[in-house]
Amino acid sequence: MIKHLSISSLQNLLHLYNRIWREHCFPCSWQQAIIIPIPKSGKDPSNPLNYRPIALTNCLCKLMEKIVNRRLVYYLEHNKILSPFQSGFRPGRCTIDNLLALETDIITTFLKRQHLVAIFFDIEKAYDRTWRYGILQDLFNCNLRGNLPIFIQNFLRLRQFRVKVGYQLSDLFIQKEGVPQGSVLSVTHFALKINTIFKHLQPSIKSFLYVDDLYISCSGDNRAFIERQLQIAVNKLTQWSILNGFTFSTSKTSFVHFCRKRRLPPEPEIKLYGQVINVAKRGLTQKDLPAKFKKSAHHNSVALGLADRGIVHKDLPSIFGGLPQVPDLKLHPSDEDEDLQMNCDVSVPTTSVPPLHPPTIS
């Protein structure tokens, strides 16, 4: 609807935005949101915890948020304030970056016949528990002054919401803490607040983030050394979470031990808030699947499906494990086929690894 406004209406809207920006005011209606609870699939609908809240906010406010967010992101990226190990909602980055980094560490560990232990953390209600004053403090520490931090301060204060079920609206509730759900600026605010987490880890620990999904890892020949280093890192993360108002979920946080050695001793015991971190449940492997769903059969079906669309030939990557060759067909380099991407992005080898240098992440 905003795209179809007349020139005079757009000029009035621009005048409104400039007044909000320069006079440090903020419309009260922009501070309100309507929450629509969406039930999670396969969960008991009688339990309020089994609903996913969807926040509807003012469209004019979202447009101004995008303008401010573009300036904020440019400042953070240009001054290299955000950690290079944060891949969430950043230009030129995606979840594949973290997966490839983990794959590289696993392959390197297998080549050196060492141990690699990775811990995957889950933050409880990450957005709802983000410390607002901490965000403003981080903006100040980034040498941001003037209209931008003042706008963000007005944006975060006095947030209110209603819950809508059917045609019924609840009374107004005040959101005392956290960043607004459904907001354009909330992702950048959260990324800035969690950015300091990397400064609390020792050099022997590798860490990567995708928004609020954190994993840390440590590798080496001595399992006792790995366990000790990870326990120190977990203790530091616990202190960081207490100081910044976050809480790690002890039930959802888990670790995985990657190693090709046999007859290993019991898994290491690493404690979070005094509780031993769970070992991640083993996922499905090729042996668990029926024959028609095994790797070779699946790749053959993918190859035949792609051949029907004329985008497969004999020079496909070897990661497919020997696809049937289709004569007189050419591969178009510009075609980013989903079937090809599904098989080529990340694939930890299940057979012997050739003695080559591990891939690096650019």
Protein backbone atom coordinates (compact mmCIF):
# COMPACT_ATOMS: atom_id res chain seq x y z
CA MET A 1 0.00 0.00 0.00
CA ILE A 2 2.87 2.38 0.80
CA LYS A 3 4.30 1.83 -2.68
CA HIS A 4 1.11 3.18 -4.24
CA LEU A 5 1.03 6.43 -2.26
CA SER A 6 1.01 9.68 -4.19
CA ILE A 7 4.02 11.99 -4.31
CA SER A 8 2.47 14.39 -1.80
CA SER A 9 1.67 11.53 0.60
CA LEU A 10 5.24 10.23 0.36
CA GLN A 11 6.56 13.71 1.11
CA ASN A 12 4.32 13.92 4.19
CA LEU A 13 5.56 10.50 5.31
CA LEU A 14 9.17 11.61 4.85
CA HIS A 15 8.44 14.75 6.86
CA LEU A 16 7.02 12.57 9.66
CA TYR A 17 10.12 10.36 9.69
CA ASN A 18 12.43 13.38 9.82
CA ARG A 19 10.50 14.86 12.75
CA ILE A 20 10.71 11.58 14.66
CA TRP A 21 14.43 11.39 13.91
CA ARG A 22 15.35 14.98 14.77
CA GLU A 23 12.90 15.81 17.56
CA HIS A 24 13.49 12.51 19.42
CA CYS A 25 9.81 11.61 19.66
CA PHE A 26 8.06 8.31 18.98
CA PRO A 27 4.35 7.62 18.24
CA CYS A 28 2.61 5.66 21.00
CA SER A 29 0.75 3.49 18.48
CA TRP A 30 4.08 2.26 17.10
CA GLN A 31 4.94 0.83 20.52
CA GLN A 32 2.01 -1.58 20.48
CA ALA A 33 1.86 -5.02 18.90
CA ILE A 34 -0.84 -7.62 18.38
CA ILE A 35 0.22 -11.15 19.32
CA ILE A 36 -1.38 -14.05 17.45
CA PRO A 37 -0.60 -17.43 19.07
CA ILE A 38 0.04 -20.19 16.54
CA PRO A 39 -0.10 -23.77 17.92
CA LYS A 40 3.01 -25.88 17.36
CA SER A 41 2.43 -28.98 15.29
CA GLY A 42 2.20 -32.21 17.25
CA LYS A 43 1.92 -30.43 20.62
CA ASP A 44 -0.87 -30.33 23.19
CA PRO A 45 -2.93 -27.19 22.37
CA SER A 46 -4.20 -26.97 25.97
CA ASN A 47 -0.69 -26.03 27.15
CA PRO A 48 0.08 -22.31 26.61
CA LEU A 49 3.79 -23.14 26.22
CA ASN A 50 3.01 -25.06 23.02
CA TYR A 51 2.14 -21.91 21.06
CA ARG A 52 4.42 -19.78 18.92
CA PRO A 53 3.64 -16.03 19.26
CA ILE A 54 3.52 -14.04 16.02
CA ALA A 55 3.73 -10.27 16.56
CA LEU A 56 2.02 -7.84 14.19
CA THR A 57 3.44 -4.33 14.35
CA ASN A 58 2.80 -1.04 12.56
CA CYS A 59 3.88 -1.08 8.89
CA LEU A 60 5.01 2.56 8.91
CA CYS A 61 7.17 1.77 11.94
CA LYS A 62 8.67 -1.24 10.15
CA LEU A 63 9.60 0.95 7.20
CA MET A 64 11.45 3.39 9.42
CA GLU A 65 13.05 0.47 11.26
CA LYS A 66 14.49 -0.73 7.95
CA ILE A 67 15.97 2.71 7.28
CA VAL A 68 17.55 2.90 10.74
CA ASN A 69 18.64 -0.73 10.66
CA ARG A 70 20.48 -0.23 7.36
CA ARG A 71 22.47 2.62 8.89
CA LEU A 72 23.18 0.63 12.05
CA VAL A 73 24.27 -2.51 10.18
CA TYR A 74 26.52 -0.47 7.89
CA TYR A 75 28.21 1.13 10.90
CA LEU A 76 28.70 -2.22 12.66
CA GLU A 77 30.02 -3.96 9.55
CA HIS A 78 32.18 -1.08 8.33
CA ASN A 79 33.88 -0.76 11.73
CA LYS A 80 34.12 -4.55 12.14
CA ILE A 81 32.30 -4.50 15.46
CA LEU A 82 30.36 -7.72 14.94
CA SER A 83 32.40 -10.87 15.39
CA PRO A 84 33.40 -12.72 12.19
CA PHE A 85 32.10 -15.90 13.86
CA GLN A 86 28.50 -14.58 13.86
CA SER A 87 26.72 -15.68 10.68
CA GLY A 88 23.11 -14.81 11.48
CA PHE A 89 21.28 -12.30 9.27
CA ARG A 90 24.44 -10.78 7.84
CA PRO A 91 25.10 -10.04 4.16
CA GLY A 92 27.01 -12.79 2.41
CA ARG A 93 26.62 -15.25 5.30
CA CYS A 94 24.32 -18.18 6.03
CA THR A 95 24.00 -21.32 8.14
CA ILE A 96 26.23 -23.21 5.70
CA ASP A 97 29.22 -21.18 6.96
CA ASN A 98 28.96 -22.69 10.43
CA LEU A 99 28.24 -26.16 9.09
CA LEU A 100 31.28 -26.04 6.83
CA ALA A 101 33.44 -24.83 9.71
CA LEU A 102 32.30 -27.76 11.83
CA GLU A 103 32.78 -30.16 8.92
CA THR A 104 36.33 -28.86 8.45
CA ASP A 105 37.13 -29.45 12.11
CA ILE A 106 35.68 -32.97 11.97
CA ILE A 107 37.67 -33.90 8.86
CA THR A 108 40.86 -32.46 10.35
CA THR A 109 40.25 -34.43 13.54
CA PHE A 110 39.74 -37.64 11.58
CA LEU A 111 42.90 -37.05 9.56
CA LYS A 112 44.96 -36.51 12.71
CA ARG A 113 43.16 -39.33 14.57
CA GLN A 114 42.32 -36.99 17.43
CA HIS A 115 39.25 -36.21 19.51
CA LEU A 116 36.78 -33.38 18.87
CA VAL A 117 34.07 -32.48 21.38
CA ALA A 118 31.45 -29.91 20.34
CA ILE A 119 28.83 -28.43 22.68
CA PHE A 120 25.62 -27.00 21.21
CA PHE A 121 23.90 -24.43 23.43
CA ASP A 122 20.27 -23.39 23.53
CA ILE A 123 19.30 -20.04 25.07
CA GLU A 124 15.90 -19.99 26.78
CA LYS A 125 13.62 -17.22 25.45
CA ALA A 126 16.59 -15.41 23.96
CA TYR A 127 14.71 -12.42 22.51
CA ASP A 128 12.37 -12.02 25.49
CA ARG A 129 15.26 -11.88 27.96
CA THR A 130 17.58 -9.54 26.09
CA TRP A 131 18.74 -6.78 28.40
CA ARG A 132 17.57 -3.44 26.98
CA TYR A 133 19.92 -1.27 29.00
CA GLY A 134 22.72 -3.59 27.93
CA ILE A 135 21.89 -2.85 24.28
CA LEU A 136 22.11 0.90 24.88
CA GLN A 137 25.35 0.37 26.77
CA ASP A 138 26.80 -1.61 23.87
CA LEU A 139 25.78 1.14 21.44
CA PHE A 140 27.59 3.67 23.63
CA ASN A 141 30.67 1.44 23.76
CA CYS A 142 30.60 1.36 19.95
CA ASN A 143 31.01 5.18 19.98
CA LEU A 144 27.49 5.74 18.66
CA ARG A 145 26.08 9.11 19.67
CA GLY A 146 23.27 11.37 18.53
CA ASN A 147 19.97 10.54 16.86
CA LEU A 148 20.45 6.82 16.23
CA PRO A 149 20.89 5.61 19.85
CA ILE A 150 18.19 8.03 21.01
CA PHE A 151 15.77 6.60 18.44
CA ILE A 152 16.60 3.06 19.60
CA GLN A 153 16.06 4.07 23.23
CA ASN A 154 12.61 5.49 22.40
CA PHE A 155 11.89 2.42 20.29
CA LEU A 156 12.61 -0.02 23.15
CA ARG A 157 10.84 1.81 25.96
CA LEU A 158 7.18 1.33 26.96
CA ARG A 159 6.55 -1.64 24.66
CA GLN A 160 2.98 -2.95 24.89
CA PHE A 161 1.07 -5.81 23.31
CA ARG A 162 -2.36 -7.40 23.05
CA VAL A 163 -3.19 -11.05 22.41
CA LYS A 164 -5.72 -11.78 19.67
CA VAL A 165 -7.65 -15.06 19.56
CA GLY A 166 -10.24 -15.18 16.82
CA TYR A 167 -11.98 -11.80 16.92
CA GLN A 168 -11.25 -11.17 20.59
CA LEU A 169 -8.50 -8.84 21.84
CA SER A 170 -7.05 -8.96 25.33
CA ASP A 171 -6.14 -5.99 27.48
CA LEU A 172 -2.83 -4.22 27.01
CA PHE A 173 0.21 -5.80 28.66
CA ILE A 174 3.56 -4.10 29.20
CA GLN A 175 6.68 -5.85 27.94
CA LYS A 176 9.13 -4.94 30.66
CA GLU A 177 12.21 -6.61 29.18
CA GLY A 178 13.48 -8.07 25.92
CA VAL A 179 13.41 -6.86 22.33
CA PRO A 180 10.08 -6.65 20.45
CA GLN A 181 9.03 -9.75 18.56
CA GLY A 182 8.51 -9.25 14.83
CA SER A 183 10.68 -6.13 14.75
CA VAL A 184 13.25 -5.42 12.06
CA LEU A 185 15.69 -3.90 14.54
CA SER A 186 15.40 -6.70 17.08
CA VAL A 187 17.71 -9.06 15.20
CA THR A 188 20.50 -6.48 15.03
CA HIS A 189 19.97 -5.52 18.67
CA PHE A 190 20.25 -9.13 19.76
CA ALA A 191 23.33 -9.75 17.61
CA LEU A 192 24.99 -6.73 19.20
CA LYS A 193 24.09 -7.85 22.73
CA ILE A 194 25.36 -11.41 22.29
CA ASN A 195 28.45 -10.24 20.43
CA THR A 196 30.53 -10.00 23.62
CA ILE A 197 30.21 -13.72 24.29
CA PHE A 198 33.30 -14.50 22.21
CA LYS A 199 35.54 -12.35 24.42
CA HIS A 200 35.03 -14.71 27.36
CA LEU A 201 36.43 -17.84 25.68
CA GLN A 202 40.04 -18.99 25.81
CA PRO A 203 42.10 -19.41 22.58
CA SER A 204 41.89 -23.21 22.70
CA ILE A 205 38.10 -23.03 22.16
CA LYS A 206 36.50 -22.53 18.75
CA SER A 207 33.07 -20.91 18.71
CA PHE A 208 30.46 -20.02 16.11
CA LEU A 209 27.07 -18.31 16.26
CA TYR A 210 24.00 -18.17 14.08
CA VAL A 211 21.94 -15.48 15.85
CA ASP A 212 21.32 -17.29 19.19
CA ASP A 213 22.50 -20.78 18.18
CA LEU A 214 25.95 -21.19 19.71
CA TYR A 215 28.36 -24.07 19.53
CA ILE A 216 31.87 -24.36 20.92
CA SER A 217 34.42 -27.08 20.26
CA CYS A 218 37.86 -28.24 21.32
CA SER A 219 40.10 -30.85 19.71
CA GLY A 220 43.31 -32.65 20.61
CA ASP A 221 44.94 -35.94 21.55
CA ASN A 222 44.29 -35.74 25.29
CA ARG A 223 40.65 -36.20 26.28
CA ALA A 224 41.29 -34.95 29.81
CA PHE A 225 42.69 -31.70 28.39
CA ILE A 226 39.65 -31.27 26.12
CA GLU A 227 37.24 -31.90 28.99
CA ARG A 228 39.06 -29.45 31.23
CA GLN A 229 39.16 -26.71 28.58
CA LEU A 230 35.47 -27.12 27.75
CA GLN A 231 34.49 -27.03 31.42
CA ILE A 232 36.42 -23.77 31.85
CA ALA A 233 34.66 -22.36 28.78
CA VAL A 234 31.23 -23.44 30.06
CA ASN A 235 31.93 -21.81 33.43
CA LYS A 236 32.86 -18.55 31.69
CA LEU A 237 29.73 -18.70 29.54
CA THR A 238 27.66 -19.26 32.68
CA GLN A 239 29.11 -16.13 34.26
CA TRP A 240 28.49 -14.19 31.04
CA SER A 241 24.85 -15.33 30.93
CA ILE A 242 24.25 -14.23 34.52
CA LEU A 243 25.75 -10.78 33.90
CA ASN A 244 23.71 -10.26 30.70
CA GLY A 245 20.38 -11.75 31.79
CA PHE A 246 20.43 -14.86 29.58
CA THR A 247 19.86 -18.47 30.62
CA PHE A 248 21.13 -21.57 28.84
CA SER A 249 18.70 -24.48 28.70
CA THR A 250 20.17 -27.48 30.54
CA SER A 251 17.71 -29.87 28.89
CA LYS A 252 18.31 -28.74 25.28
CA THR A 253 22.05 -28.11 25.50
CA SER A 254 24.00 -31.18 24.37
CA PHE A 255 27.44 -32.25 23.17
CA VAL A 256 28.84 -34.62 20.54
CA HIS A 257 32.16 -36.49 20.65
CA PHE A 258 33.70 -36.99 17.19
CA CYS A 259 36.40 -39.65 16.99
CA ARG A 260 37.28 -42.71 14.90
CA LYS A 261 39.01 -44.61 17.66
CA ARG A 262 37.39 -47.71 19.11
CA ARG A 263 36.96 -48.89 22.71
CA LEU A 264 36.71 -45.39 24.05
CA PRO A 265 36.26 -44.71 27.77
CA PRO A 266 32.99 -43.16 29.02
CA GLU A 267 31.98 -39.81 27.58
CA PRO A 268 33.34 -36.71 29.35
CA GLU A 269 31.22 -35.08 32.05
CA ILE A 270 30.82 -31.35 31.46
CA LYS A 271 28.49 -29.48 33.79
CA LEU A 272 26.25 -26.50 33.06
CA TYR A 273 24.65 -24.82 36.11
CA GLY A 274 25.72 -27.86 38.12
CA GLN A 275 24.02 -30.38 35.78
CA VAL A 276 25.84 -32.74 33.47
CA ILE A 277 25.33 -31.80 29.81
CA ASN A 278 23.50 -34.49 27.86
CA VAL A 279 25.06 -36.43 25.02
CA ALA A 280 23.27 -35.64 21.76
CA LYS A 281 21.07 -38.43 20.50
CA ARG A 282 22.47 -40.28 17.53
CA GLY A 283 20.68 -39.43 14.30
CA LEU A 284 19.79 -41.78 11.48
CA THR A 285 22.68 -43.29 9.57
CA GLN A 286 22.79 -45.11 6.28
CA LYS A 287 22.46 -48.46 8.06
CA ASP A 288 19.19 -47.38 9.66
CA LEU A 289 17.46 -46.71 6.33
CA PRO A 290 15.78 -49.10 3.92
CA ALA A 291 17.75 -50.05 0.83
CA LYS A 292 15.76 -47.77 -1.45
CA PHE A 293 16.69 -44.77 0.72
CA LYS A 294 20.41 -45.50 1.01
CA LYS A 295 22.96 -43.05 -0.33
CA SER A 296 23.66 -44.69 -3.67
CA ALA A 297 19.99 -45.29 -4.44
CA HIS A 298 19.11 -41.74 -3.43
CA HIS A 299 21.86 -40.25 -5.57
CA ASN A 300 20.82 -42.38 -8.53
CA SER A 301 17.25 -41.11 -8.25
CA VAL A 302 18.52 -37.52 -7.97
CA ALA A 303 20.71 -38.01 -11.03
CA LEU A 304 17.87 -39.41 -13.11
CA GLY A 305 15.56 -36.61 -12.02
CA LEU A 306 18.12 -33.98 -12.94
CA ALA A 307 18.85 -35.71 -16.24
CA ASP A 308 15.22 -35.34 -17.23
CA ARG A 309 15.69 -31.57 -16.87
CA GLY A 310 18.91 -31.62 -18.89
CA ILE A 311 21.33 -30.37 -16.26
CA VAL A 312 23.49 -33.43 -15.55
CA HIS A 313 26.57 -34.78 -17.30
CA LYS A 314 29.57 -36.96 -16.48
CA ASP A 315 31.56 -34.20 -14.76
CA LEU A 316 29.35 -33.89 -11.67
CA PRO A 317 31.32 -33.68 -8.39
CA SER A 318 32.62 -36.95 -7.00
CA ILE A 319 30.71 -36.34 -3.79
CA PHE A 320 27.73 -38.01 -5.46
CA GLY A 321 29.58 -41.30 -5.20
CA GLY A 322 29.42 -42.45 -8.79
CA LEU A 323 26.32 -41.17 -10.51
CA PRO A 324 25.12 -42.87 -13.68
CA GLN A 325 26.47 -41.00 -16.68
CA VAL A 326 23.99 -39.54 -19.11
CA PRO A 327 25.43 -38.90 -22.61
CA ASP A 328 24.83 -35.80 -24.73
CA LEU A 329 23.72 -33.66 -21.79
CA LYS A 330 25.39 -30.49 -20.53
CA LEU A 331 25.58 -28.92 -17.10
CA HIS A 332 24.64 -25.25 -16.97
CA PRO A 333 26.95 -23.55 -14.42
CA SER A 334 24.39 -20.85 -13.68
CA ASP A 335 21.75 -23.33 -12.55
CA GLU A 336 21.70 -23.49 -8.74
CA ASP A 337 19.54 -26.56 -8.45
CA GLU A 338 18.22 -27.41 -5.00
CA ASP A 339 18.87 -31.11 -5.53
CA LEU A 340 22.52 -30.42 -6.29
CA GLN A 341 22.87 -28.06 -3.34
CA MET A 342 21.31 -30.60 -0.99
CA ASN A 343 24.05 -33.10 -1.83
CA CYS A 344 27.03 -30.76 -2.23
CA ASP A 345 26.90 -28.20 0.61
CA VAL A 346 28.07 -30.29 3.55
CA SER A 347 28.95 -33.96 3.51
CA VAL A 348 31.23 -35.49 6.13
CA PRO A 349 32.85 -38.55 4.50
CA THR A 350 31.81 -41.95 5.86
CA THR A 351 34.69 -43.80 4.16
CA SER A 352 38.44 -43.29 4.38
CA VAL A 353 39.50 -39.67 4.06
CA PRO A 354 42.26 -38.97 1.51
CA PRO A 355 45.41 -37.35 2.91
CA LEU A 356 44.63 -33.90 1.57
CA HIS A 357 44.69 -30.54 3.26
CA PRO A 358 41.29 -29.79 4.85
CA PRO A 359 39.14 -27.13 3.17
CA THR A 360 39.22 -23.66 4.60
CA ILE A 361 36.44 -21.16 5.11
CA SER A 362 36.80 -17.88 3.29
